[in-house]
Amino acid sequence: MANSLKRGIIHKLMDNADSLKKKIDELEIQIVKEREVHELNLSKIKTENYEALEASQTRYQGELEIQRRNFQRQIEKLKAKLESFEV
C-alpha cells in the first residue's frame, strides 16, 4: 500500500512538472509574440515621428524662406530711400 501511495504521489508530481513545463513553453511563445507586436508598434511610432519631424522641418524652412524674402524686400526699400536722399 505504501508503494502504491508513493507511485501515486510520484505520478502526480510528474504530471505537475509536465504541466508546468507546458505552461512555461506557452508563456515563452506568448513573450515572443508580444515582443514582435511591440517591435512593430515601436517601428510604426518611429516612422510617424520621423515623418512629423520632416514635415516640421519643411514648414520651418518655408518660414525661413518667407522671412528671408521679406527681409530682402525691406533692404531693397531702404536702399531705394537712401538713394533718393543722395540724389
Protein backbone atom coordinates (compact mmCIF):
# COMPACT_ATOMS: atom_id res chain seq x y z
CA MET A 1 0.00 0.00 0.00
CA ALA A 2 2.84 2.39 0.80
CA ASN A 3 4.43 1.66 -2.56
CA SER A 4 1.22 2.40 -4.46
CA LEU A 5 0.84 5.64 -2.48
CA LYS A 6 4.43 6.60 -3.37
CA ARG A 7 3.79 5.75 -7.01
CA GLY A 8 0.65 7.86 -6.98
CA ILE A 9 2.47 10.82 -5.45
CA ILE A 10 5.37 10.45 -7.89
CA HIS A 11 2.93 10.21 -10.80
CA LYS A 12 1.10 13.32 -9.59
CA LEU A 13 4.41 15.21 -9.20
CA MET A 14 5.47 14.19 -12.71
CA ASP A 15 2.12 15.37 -14.10
CA ASN A 16 2.56 18.68 -12.28
CA ALA A 17 6.12 19.04 -13.63
CA ASP A 18 4.93 18.28 -17.18
CA SER A 19 2.08 20.76 -16.76
CA LEU A 20 4.49 23.43 -15.55
CA LYS A 21 6.88 22.77 -18.45
CA LYS A 22 3.98 23.11 -20.88
CA LYS A 23 2.86 26.37 -19.25
CA ILE A 24 6.43 27.73 -19.41
CA ASP A 25 6.60 26.87 -23.12
CA GLU A 26 3.27 28.63 -23.72
CA LEU A 27 4.46 31.71 -21.83
CA GLU A 28 7.73 31.81 -23.79
CA ILE A 29 5.76 31.69 -27.06
CA GLN A 30 3.50 34.46 -25.79
CA ILE A 31 6.54 36.58 -24.86
CA VAL A 32 7.98 36.15 -28.37
CA LYS A 33 4.67 37.14 -29.97
CA GLU A 34 4.26 40.17 -27.69
CA ARG A 35 7.85 41.24 -28.37
CA GLU A 36 7.14 41.14 -32.12
CA VAL A 37 3.99 43.24 -31.65
CA HIS A 38 5.87 45.77 -29.52
CA GLU A 39 8.70 45.96 -32.06
CA LEU A 40 6.19 46.61 -34.86
CA ASN A 41 4.46 49.30 -32.79
CA LEU A 42 7.78 50.92 -31.93
CA SER A 43 8.81 50.89 -35.57
CA LYS A 44 5.49 52.49 -36.53
CA ILE A 45 5.91 55.19 -33.88
CA LYS A 46 9.47 55.90 -35.01
CA THR A 47 8.29 56.22 -38.62
CA GLU A 48 5.45 58.54 -37.63
CA ASN A 49 7.79 60.67 -35.54
CA TYR A 50 10.32 60.85 -38.36
CA GLU A 51 7.63 61.89 -40.84
CA ALA A 52 6.34 64.52 -38.41
CA LEU A 53 9.88 65.82 -37.94
CA GLU A 54 10.39 66.03 -41.70
CA ALA A 55 7.12 67.93 -42.09
CA SER A 56 8.10 70.29 -39.30
CA GLN A 57 11.49 70.93 -40.86
CA THR A 58 9.86 71.60 -44.22
CA ARG A 59 7.48 74.12 -42.65
CA TYR A 60 10.37 75.74 -40.78
CA GLN A 61 12.43 76.02 -43.97
CA GLY A 62 9.43 77.55 -45.72
CA GLU A 63 9.02 80.09 -42.93
CA LEU A 64 12.70 80.96 -43.11
CA GLU A 65 12.44 81.48 -46.86
CA ILE A 66 9.46 83.81 -46.40
CA GLN A 67 11.33 85.78 -43.74
CA ARG A 68 14.40 85.98 -45.97
CA ARG A 69 12.35 87.35 -48.87
CA ASN A 70 10.59 89.87 -46.63
CA PHE A 71 13.91 90.98 -45.20
CA GLN A 72 15.36 91.29 -48.71
CA ARG A 73 12.39 93.47 -49.75
CA GLN A 74 12.91 95.70 -46.72
CA ILE A 75 16.59 96.06 -47.63
CA GLU A 76 15.64 97.00 -51.20
CA LYS A 77 13.16 99.61 -49.93
CA LEU A 78 15.73 101.07 -47.56
CA LYS A 79 18.33 101.18 -50.36
CA ALA A 80 15.83 102.97 -52.60
CA LYS A 81 15.10 105.53 -49.86
CA LEU A 82 18.78 106.04 -49.25
CA GLU A 83 19.43 106.58 -52.94
CA SER A 84 16.58 109.08 -53.15
CA PHE A 85 18.18 111.13 -50.36
CA GLU A 86 21.57 111.04 -52.07
CA VAL A 87 20.25 112.39 -55.34
